[in-house]
C-alpha atoms as a PDB file:
ATOM      1  CA  MET A   1      35.262-103.298  40.040  1.00  0.00           C
ATOM      2  CA  TYR A   2      37.626-101.267  42.331  1.00  0.00           C
ATOM      3  CA  VAL A   3      38.980-104.740  44.086  1.00  0.00           C
ATOM      4  CA  ASP A   4      42.068-104.140  42.743  1.00  0.00           C
ATOM      5  CA  GLU A   5      42.204-100.934  44.883  1.00  0.00           C
ATOM      6  CA  LEU A   6      40.851-102.241  47.893  1.00  0.00           C
ATOM      7  CA  LEU A   7      43.935-104.432  47.909  1.00  0.00           C
ATOM      8  CA  ALA A   8      46.480-102.507  46.333  1.00  0.00           C
ATOM      9  CA  ARG A   9      48.678-102.231  49.999  1.00  0.00           C
ATOM     10  CA  ALA A  10      48.626-105.631  50.267  1.00  0.00           C
ATOM     11  CA  PRO A  11      52.201-106.341  49.431  1.00  0.00           C
ATOM     12  CA  GLU A  12      53.113-103.566  52.354  1.00  0.00           C
ATOM     13  CA  ILE A  13      52.517-106.566  54.793  1.00  0.00           C
ATOM     14  CA  GLY A  14      54.050-109.067  52.646  1.00  0.00           C
ATOM     15  CA  ALA A  15      51.625-110.401  50.504  1.00  0.00           C
ATOM     16  CA  THR A  16      51.805-111.224  46.641  1.00  0.00           C
ATOM     17  CA  LEU A  17      49.255-109.275  44.907  1.00  0.00           C
ATOM     18  CA  LEU A  18      47.889-110.308  41.154  1.00  0.00           C
ATOM     19  CA  CYS A  19      45.097-108.428  39.361  1.00  0.00           C
ATOM     20  CA  ALA A  20      43.391-109.058  36.029  1.00  0.00           C
ATOM     21  CA  GLU A  21      43.790-106.037  34.417  1.00  0.00           C
ATOM     22  CA  PHE A  22      40.624-107.132  32.132  1.00  0.00           C
ATOM     23  CA  PRO A  23      37.137-107.128  33.159  1.00  0.00           C
ATOM     24  CA  ILE A  24      35.393-110.779  33.458  1.00  0.00           C
ATOM     25  CA  THR A  25      32.714-109.572  30.992  1.00  0.00           C
ATOM     26  CA  PHE A  26      35.322-110.174  28.240  1.00  0.00           C
ATOM     27  CA  ILE A  27      37.127-113.388  29.315  1.00  0.00           C
ATOM     28  CA  ASP A  28      36.747-114.635  33.014  1.00  0.00           C
ATOM     29  CA  PRO A  29      39.489-116.459  34.189  1.00  0.00           C
ATOM     30  CA  ASN A  30      37.130-117.871  37.423  1.00  0.00           C
ATOM     31  CA  ARG A  31      35.994-120.285  34.267  1.00  0.00           C
ATOM     32  CA  ALA A  32      36.821-123.403  32.480  1.00  0.00           C
ATOM     33  CA  ALA A  33      38.017-122.332  29.207  1.00  0.00           C
ATOM     34  CA  ASP A  34      36.021-124.846  27.756  1.00  0.00           C
ATOM     35  CA  ASP A  35      32.567-123.467  29.456  1.00  0.00           C
ATOM     36  CA  VAL A  36      31.721-121.739  26.567  1.00  0.00           C
ATOM     37  CA  ASP A  37      27.921-121.663  25.157  1.00  0.00           C
ATOM     38  CA  PRO A  38      27.969-122.648  21.576  1.00  0.00           C
ATOM     39  CA  ALA A  39      25.740-120.692  20.484  1.00  0.00           C
ATOM     40  CA  LEU A  40      27.750-117.541  21.209  1.00  0.00           C
ATOM     41  CA  ILE A  41      30.171-118.342  18.439  1.00  0.00           C
ATOM     42  CA  GLU A  42      30.111-118.158  14.115  1.00  0.00           C
ATOM     43  CA  GLY A  43      31.521-121.279  12.914  1.00  0.00           C
ATOM     44  CA  THR A  44      32.591-124.487  14.887  1.00  0.00           C
ATOM     45  CA  TRP A  45      35.180-124.830  17.620  1.00  0.00           C
ATOM     46  CA  PRO A  46      38.185-126.997  17.140  1.00  0.00           C
ATOM     47  CA  GLU A  47      37.538-128.997  20.501  1.00  0.00           C
ATOM     48  CA  PRO A  48      35.086-130.207  22.592  1.00  0.00           C
ATOM     49  CA  LEU A  49      32.824-127.587  24.397  1.00  0.00           C
ATOM     50  CA  ARG A  50      31.223-128.291  27.727  1.00  0.00           C
ATOM     51  CA  PRO A  51      29.454-125.267  28.661  1.00  0.00           C
ATOM     52  CA  THR A  52      27.941-125.084  32.161  1.00  0.00           C
ATOM     53  CA  ASP A  53      24.274-124.418  33.388  1.00  0.00           C
ATOM     54  CA  GLN A  54      25.542-120.910  34.917  1.00  0.00           C
ATOM     55  CA  SER A  55      27.007-120.312  31.155  1.00  0.00           C
ATOM     56  CA  LEU A  56      23.786-121.525  29.144  1.00  0.00           C
ATOM     57  CA  LYS A  57      20.956-120.370  31.236  1.00  0.00           C
ATOM     58  CA  ASN A  58      22.432-116.964  32.759  1.00  0.00           C
ATOM     59  CA  GLY A  59      25.370-116.077  30.235  1.00  0.00           C
ATOM     60  CA  ALA A  60      28.086-116.306  32.266  1.00  0.00           C
ATOM     61  CA  GLY A  61      30.655-118.515  31.310  1.00  0.00           C
ATOM     62  CA  LEU A  62      34.069-118.119  29.914  1.00  0.00           C
ATOM     63  CA  ILE A  63      32.968-115.141  27.683  1.00  0.00           C
ATOM     64  CA  HIS A  64      29.233-113.417  29.039  1.00  0.00           C
ATOM     65  CA  ALA A  65      26.980-113.130  27.386  1.00  0.00           C
ATOM     66  CA  VAL A  66      24.816-110.396  29.247  1.00  0.00           C
ATOM     67  CA  GLY A  67      26.017-107.819  31.424  1.00  0.00           C
ATOM     68  CA  ALA A  68      23.956-105.629  34.353  1.00  0.00           C
ATOM     69  CA  GLY A  69      20.262-106.009  34.002  1.00  0.00           C
ATOM     70  CA  ASN A  70      20.873-109.105  31.872  1.00  0.00           C
ATOM     71  CA  VAL A  71      21.255-106.649  29.042  1.00  0.00           C
ATOM     72  CA  PRO A  72      22.965-108.308  25.922  1.00  0.00           C
ATOM     73  CA  LEU A  73      26.787-108.125  25.423  1.00  0.00           C
ATOM     74  CA  TYR A  74      26.739-108.652  21.814  1.00  0.00           C
ATOM     75  CA  ALA A  75      24.784-107.610  18.732  1.00  0.00           C
ATOM     76  CA  GLY A  76      26.020-111.004  16.846  1.00  0.00           C
ATOM     77  CA  LYS A  77      28.297-114.108  17.500  1.00  0.00           C
ATOM     78  CA  LEU A  78      32.008-113.850  17.905  1.00  0.00           C
ATOM     79  CA  SER A  79      34.068-115.582  15.710  1.00  0.00           C
ATOM     80  CA  VAL A  80      36.544-118.086  16.539  1.00  0.00           C
ATOM     81  CA  TRP A  81      39.651-116.281  16.125  1.00  0.00           C
ATOM     82  CA  GLN A  82      38.149-113.656  18.324  1.00  0.00           C
ATOM     83  CA  VAL A  83      37.529-116.166  21.135  1.00  0.00           C
ATOM     84  CA  ALA A  84      41.021-118.342  20.554  1.00  0.00           C
ATOM     85  CA  GLN A  85      42.920-114.363  21.001  1.00  0.00           C
ATOM     86  CA  ARG A  86      40.953-113.904  24.186  1.00  0.00           C
ATOM     87  CA  ILE A  87      42.000-117.174  25.540  1.00  0.00           C
ATOM     88  CA  GLU A  88      45.688-116.689  24.152  1.00  0.00           C
ATOM     89  CA  ARG A  89      46.060-113.071  25.370  1.00  0.00           C
ATOM     90  CA  PHE A  90      44.432-112.859  28.366  1.00  0.00           C
ATOM     91  CA  TYR A  91      43.410-115.935  29.965  1.00  0.00           C
ATOM     92  CA  GLN A  92      46.492-118.188  29.767  1.00  0.00           C
ATOM     93  CA  PRO A  93      48.714-115.827  30.295  1.00  0.00           C
ATOM     94  CA  TYR A  94      46.708-114.794  33.599  1.00  0.00           C
ATOM     95  CA  HIS A  95      46.662-117.912  34.717  1.00  0.00           C
ATOM     96  CA  ALA A  96      50.460-119.086  34.036  1.00  0.00           C
ATOM     97  CA  GLU A  97      51.342-116.246  35.937  1.00  0.00           C
ATOM     98  CA  LEU A  98      49.218-117.214  38.873  1.00  0.00           C
ATOM     99  CA  ALA A  99      50.367-120.805  38.547  1.00  0.00           C
ATOM    100  CA  ARG A 100      54.103-119.330  38.442  1.00  0.00           C
ATOM    101  CA  ILE A 101      53.260-117.228  41.750  1.00  0.00           C
ATOM    102  CA  LEU A 102      51.709-120.194  43.810  1.00  0.00           C
ATOM    103  CA  ALA A 103      54.496-122.476  42.499  1.00  0.00           C
ATOM    104  CA  ASP A 104      57.077-120.137  43.536  1.00  0.00           C
ATOM    105  CA  ALA A 105      55.893-120.005  47.044  1.00  0.00           C
ATOM    106  CA  LYS A 106      55.687-123.734  47.946  1.00  0.00           C
ATOM    107  CA  ALA A 107      58.428-124.567  46.207  1.00  0.00           C
ATOM    108  CA  ARG A 108      60.039-121.654  49.118  1.00  0.00           C
ATOM    109  CA  HIS A 109      58.167-122.891  51.692  1.00  0.00           C
ATOM    110  CA  GLY A 110      56.651-125.984  51.150  1.00  0.00           C
ATOM    111  CA  PHE A 111      52.957-124.745  51.283  1.00  0.00           C
ATOM    112  CA  VAL A 112      51.076-121.538  50.258  1.00  0.00           C
ATOM    113  CA  PHE A 113      47.852-119.929  51.215  1.00  0.00           C
ATOM    114  CA  HIS A 114      46.244-117.986  48.481  1.00  0.00           C
ATOM    115  CA  LEU A 115      43.249-115.930  48.509  1.00  0.00           C
ATOM    116  CA  SER A 116      40.839-115.396  45.753  1.00  0.00           C
ATOM    117  CA  PHE A 117      39.098-112.018  45.944  1.00  0.00           C
ATOM    118  CA  HIS A 118      35.671-111.093  43.635  1.00  0.00           C
ATOM    119  CA  CYS A 119      32.875-108.955  44.159  1.00  0.00           C
ATOM    120  CA  MET A 120      28.965-109.473  44.091  1.00  0.00           C
ATOM    121  CA  SER A 121      26.055-107.931  43.494  1.00  0.00           C
ATOM    122  CA  SER A 122      23.808-106.813  46.663  1.00  0.00           C
ATOM    123  CA  THR A 123      20.726-109.011  45.157  1.00  0.00           C
ATOM    124  CA  ASP A 124      20.254-112.011  43.047  1.00  0.00           C
ATOM    125  CA  PRO A 125      20.245-110.403  39.540  1.00  0.00           C
ATOM    126  CA  LYS A 126      18.309-113.653  38.262  1.00  0.00           C
ATOM    127  CA  ASN A 127      15.831-113.670  41.444  1.00  0.00           C
ATOM    128  CA  PRO A 128      15.949-109.891  42.881  1.00  0.00           C
ATOM    129  CA  HIS A 129      12.986-110.706  44.872  1.00  0.00           C
ATOM    130  CA  GLY A 130      13.031-114.496  46.010  1.00  0.00           C
ATOM    131  CA  PRO A 131      14.120-115.438  49.852  1.00  0.00           C
ATOM    132  CA  GLN A 132      17.652-115.498  49.295  1.00  0.00           C
ATOM    133  CA  ALA A 133      17.833-112.127  47.402  1.00  0.00           C
ATOM    134  CA  VAL A 134      19.859-110.308  49.348  1.00  0.00           C
ATOM    135  CA  ARG A 135      23.333-111.580  49.269  1.00  0.00           C
ATOM    136  CA  PRO A 136      25.576-111.701  52.749  1.00  0.00           C
ATOM    137  CA  ASP A 137      28.260-109.038  53.264  1.00  0.00           C
ATOM    138  CA  ILE A 138      31.012-111.764  52.676  1.00  0.00           C
ATOM    139  CA  CYS A 139      30.838-115.127  50.754  1.00  0.00           C
ATOM    140  CA  ILE A 140      33.899-117.198  51.789  1.00  0.00           C
ATOM    141  CA  GLY A 141      34.266-120.493  49.202  1.00  0.00           C
ATOM    142  CA  ASP A 142      36.256-123.803  49.676  1.00  0.00           C
ATOM    143  CA  ARG A 143      34.139-125.919  47.269  1.00  0.00           C
ATOM    144  CA  ASP A 144      32.714-127.755  50.361  1.00  0.00           C
ATOM    145  CA  GLY A 145      35.981-127.809  52.499  1.00  0.00           C
ATOM    146  CA  THR A 146      37.882-129.298  49.575  1.00  0.00           C
ATOM    147  CA  THR A 147      40.126-126.001  48.408  1.00  0.00           C
ATOM    148  CA  CYS A 148      41.844-124.982  51.631  1.00  0.00           C
ATOM    149  CA  ASP A 149      42.397-126.201  55.566  1.00  0.00           C
ATOM    150  CA  ILE A 150      39.235-126.190  57.405  1.00  0.00           C
ATOM    151  CA  GLY A 151      41.099-124.234  59.969  1.00  0.00           C
ATOM    152  CA  PHE A 152      42.200-121.596  57.381  1.00  0.00           C
ATOM    153  CA  ARG A 153      38.703-120.894  56.189  1.00  0.00           C
ATOM    154  CA  GLU A 154      37.933-120.518  59.843  1.00  0.00           C
ATOM    155  CA  MET A 155      39.795-118.056  60.777  1.00  0.00           C
ATOM    156  CA  VAL A 156      39.066-116.063  57.690  1.00  0.00           C
ATOM    157  CA  ALA A 157      35.504-115.873  58.514  1.00  0.00           C
ATOM    158  CA  GLN A 158      35.726-115.265  62.390  1.00  0.00           C
ATOM    159  CA  ARG A 159      37.776-112.164  61.402  1.00  0.00           C
ATOM    160  CA  PHE A 160      35.422-110.804  59.412  1.00  0.00           C
ATOM    161  CA  GLN A 161      32.769-111.379  61.663  1.00  0.00           C
ATOM    162  CA  GLU A 162      35.072-109.746  64.327  1.00  0.00           C
ATOM    163  CA  LEU A 163      34.702-106.920  62.064  1.00  0.00           C
ATOM    164  CA  GLY A 164      30.900-106.524  62.320  1.00  0.00           C
ATOM    165  CA  TYR A 165      30.051-108.401  58.644  1.00  0.00           C
ATOM    166  CA  HIS A 166      27.597-111.045  58.066  1.00  0.00           C
ATOM    167  CA  VAL A 167      29.774-114.120  56.316  1.00  0.00           C
ATOM    168  CA  ALA A 168      28.213-117.060  54.755  1.00  0.00           C
ATOM    169  CA  ILE A 169      30.334-120.234  53.805  1.00  0.00           C
ATOM    170  CA  ASN A 170      30.244-121.839  50.181  1.00  0.00           C
ATOM    171  CA  SER A 171      26.513-119.993  49.642  1.00  0.00           C
ATOM    172  CA  PRO A 172      25.931-117.986  47.514  1.00  0.00           C
ATOM    173  CA  PHE A 173      29.249-118.815  45.735  1.00  0.00           C
ATOM    174  CA  LYS A 174      31.492-122.333  46.398  1.00  0.00           C
ATOM    175  CA  GLY A 175      34.256-120.817  44.542  1.00  0.00           C
ATOM    176  CA  SER A 176      34.489-121.794  40.431  1.00  0.00           C
ATOM    177  CA  GLU A 177      37.631-122.676  38.276  1.00  0.00           C
ATOM    178  CA  ILE A 178      40.731-120.970  40.244  1.00  0.00           C
ATOM    179  CA  MET A 179      39.374-122.817  43.172  1.00  0.00           C
ATOM    180  CA  ARG A 180      39.046-125.858  41.291  1.00  0.00           C
ATOM    181  CA  ARG A 181      42.269-125.557  39.303  1.00  0.00           C
ATOM    182  CA  TYR A 182      44.684-124.736  42.298  1.00  0.00           C
ATOM    183  CA  GLY A 183      43.414-125.573  45.834  1.00  0.00           C
ATOM    184  CA  SER A 184      45.027-128.597  46.926  1.00  0.00           C
ATOM    185  CA  PRO A 185      45.509-128.779  50.786  1.00  0.00           C
ATOM    186  CA  ARG A 186      46.741-132.486  50.916  1.00  0.00           C
ATOM    187  CA  THR A 187      49.822-130.723  48.580  1.00  0.00           C
ATOM    188  CA  GLY A 188      50.144-127.838  50.467  1.00  0.00           C
ATOM    189  CA  THR A 189      48.254-124.904  48.497  1.00  0.00           C
ATOM    190  CA  HIS A 190      45.230-123.792  50.288  1.00  0.00           C
ATOM    191  CA  SER A 191      42.607-121.762  48.187  1.00  0.00           C
ATOM    192  CA  LEU A 192      39.857-119.670  49.738  1.00  0.00           C
ATOM    193  CA  GLN A 193      37.442-117.432  47.168  1.00  0.00           C
ATOM    194  CA  VAL A 194      36.088-114.383  49.306  1.00  0.00           C
ATOM    195  CA  GLU A 195      33.167-112.585  47.542  1.00  0.00           C
ATOM    196  CA  ILE A 196      32.466-108.910  49.032  1.00  0.00           C
ATOM    197  CA  CYS A 197      29.315-107.458  48.778  1.00  0.00           C
ATOM    198  CA  LYS A 198      29.374-104.580  46.240  1.00  0.00           C
ATOM    199  CA  ARG A 199      27.164-102.358  48.508  1.00  0.00           C
ATOM    200  CA  LEU A 200      30.021-102.304  50.878  1.00  0.00           C
ATOM    201  CA  PHE A 201      32.112-100.094  48.890  1.00  0.00           C
ATOM    202  CA  MET A 202      30.070 -99.074  46.072  1.00  0.00           C
ATOM    203  CA  ASP A 203      27.371 -97.304  44.544  1.00  0.00           C
ATOM    204  CA  GLU A 204      25.404-100.132  42.619  1.00  0.00           C
ATOM    205  CA  GLU A 205      23.892 -97.634  40.287  1.00  0.00           C
ATOM    206  CA  SER A 206      26.297 -94.884  39.790  1.00  0.00           C
ATOM    207  CA  GLY A 207      29.439 -97.082  39.829  1.00  0.00           C
ATOM    208  CA  GLU A 208      30.700 -94.414  42.402  1.00  0.00           C
ATOM    209  CA  ARG A 209      33.192 -95.079  45.521  1.00  0.00           C
ATOM    210  CA  GLY A 210      30.910 -95.276  48.638  1.00  0.00           C
ATOM    211  CA  PRO A 211      31.711 -94.038  51.795  1.00  0.00           C
ATOM    212  CA  ARG A 212      33.119 -97.050  53.104  1.00  0.00           C
ATOM    213  CA  PHE A 213      35.347 -97.644  50.823  1.00  0.00           C
ATOM    214  CA  THR A 214      38.242 -96.465  52.640  1.00  0.00           C
ATOM    215  CA  ARG A 215      37.285 -98.341  55.574  1.00  0.00           C
ATOM    216  CA  LEU A 216      36.723-101.700  54.235  1.00  0.00           C
ATOM    217  CA  GLN A 217      40.619-100.831  52.454  1.00  0.00           C
ATOM    218  CA  SER A 218      41.634-100.548  55.786  1.00  0.00           C
ATOM    219  CA  GLU A 219      40.049-103.597  57.205  1.00  0.00           C
ATOM    220  CA  LEU A 220      40.797-105.872  54.299  1.00  0.00           C
ATOM    221  CA  ARG A 221      44.500-104.935  54.724  1.00  0.00           C
ATOM    222  CA  GLU A 222      43.977-106.099  58.351  1.00  0.00           C
ATOM    223  CA  VAL A 223      42.467-109.659  57.308  1.00  0.00           C
ATOM    224  CA  ILE A 224      45.285-110.307  54.907  1.00  0.00           C
ATOM    225  CA  ARG A 225      47.873-109.292  57.989  1.00  0.00           C
ATOM    226  CA  LEU A 226      46.524-111.696  59.643  1.00  0.00           C
ATOM    227  CA  VAL A 227      46.779-114.196  56.576  1.00  0.00           C
ATOM    228  CA  CYS A 228      50.324-113.582  56.432  1.00  0.00           C
ATOM    229  CA  ARG A 229      50.751-114.061  60.279  1.00  0.00           C
ATOM    230  CA  TYR A 230      48.783-117.271  59.810  1.00  0.00           C
ATOM    231  CA  ALA A 231      51.505-118.477  57.311  1.00  0.00           C
ATOM    232  CA  GLU A 232      54.254-117.595  59.241  1.00  0.00           C
ATOM    233  CA  GLN A 233      52.759-119.675  62.341  1.00  0.00           C
ATOM    234  CA  HIS A 234      52.234-122.272  60.109  1.00  0.00           C
ATOM    235  CA  GLY A 235      56.060-122.698  59.083  1.00  0.00           C
ATOM    236  CA  ASP A 236      56.967-122.235  62.585  1.00  0.00           C
ATOM    237  CA  ALA A 237      54.887-124.839  63.433  1.00  0.00           C
ATOM    238  CA  ARG A 238      56.252-127.454  60.794  1.00  0.00           C
ATOM    239  CA  LYS A 239      59.488-126.731  62.311  1.00  0.00           C
ATOM    240  CA  LYS A 240      58.654-128.438  65.388  1.00  0.00           C
ATOM    241  CA  PRO A 241      59.507-132.074  65.738  1.00  0.00           C
ATOM    242  CA  GLY A 242      56.492-133.688  65.767  1.00  0.00           C
ATOM    243  CA  SER A 243      53.933-131.194  65.102  1.00  0.00           C
ATOM    244  CA  THR A 244      51.502-131.986  62.643  1.00  0.00           C
ATOM    245  CA  ALA A 245      48.883-129.462  60.288  1.00  0.00           C
ATOM    246  CA  GLY A 246      46.015-130.548  62.791  1.00  0.00           C
ATOM    247  CA  ASP A 247      47.801-129.479  66.008  1.00  0.00           C
ATOM    248  CA  PHE A 248      48.824-126.090  64.127  1.00  0.00           C
ATOM    249  CA  ARG A 249      44.988-125.966  63.199  1.00  0.00           C
ATOM    250  CA  LYS A 250      43.626-126.138  67.002  1.00  0.00           C
ATOM    251  CA  SER A 251      46.630-123.385  68.105  1.00  0.00           C
ATOM    252  CA  ASP A 252      46.296-121.390  65.621  1.00  0.00           C
ATOM    253  CA  LYS A 253      42.279-121.510  66.006  1.00  0.00           C
ATOM    254  CA  GLY A 254      42.999-120.308  69.617  1.00  0.00           C
ATOM    255  CA  ASP A 255      45.148-117.880  68.572  1.00  0.00           C
ATOM    256  CA  ALA A 256      42.544-116.055  66.080  1.00  0.00           C
ATOM    257  CA  ARG A 257      40.409-115.816  68.841  1.00  0.00           C
END
């Protein structure tokens, strides 16, 4: 909620912005297409389903079974046709467009830096009173260092820390289907998931924008500006004879400080 508005000015500074114009409860593009709880479907799905624990235990697979407060979203089961239509009309077009954008950027520049923004509740709804219940301001995920260059991750994390935010790496979220599908640093696609805590920009009970909304919007713009500059420097480094990705990471890390 509101993440598209928080990032709306990103194209002004050289970034490409893709927003999903459908709620993740309806169909979640950050889940695998076969991550479906069979209990949600009336009838037999034509292909094997591979529901994850998150889908079976938390109702948060491709089709979310529960909403805020663990309230069930459906009175009954969904038909095979209903689920197939959601995949065909929303899920597949979103991923096709994202893949096109990333492939186009990589074809033109030889590499691409990709931020996937999401928002998270302030506390873990499954364990609101546990030791890890209160979530950080920002969670950055790269699936344990596998979806982007470590220098890219450190640069983004450091900038958020400089802005005064409590930043966690790969906890409580490491990155899901979007990171798994597109993050490939060895082939030039550096994907990083950024989870923003809702308390930073909204009242989580009323759903209204919070007093820090405009400030956060401006700070996210500066983070994206830094990433654009990072990408430009990466391109310059590639043009220098004898330069390597490792050399670039070290020099850029110094610049970010």
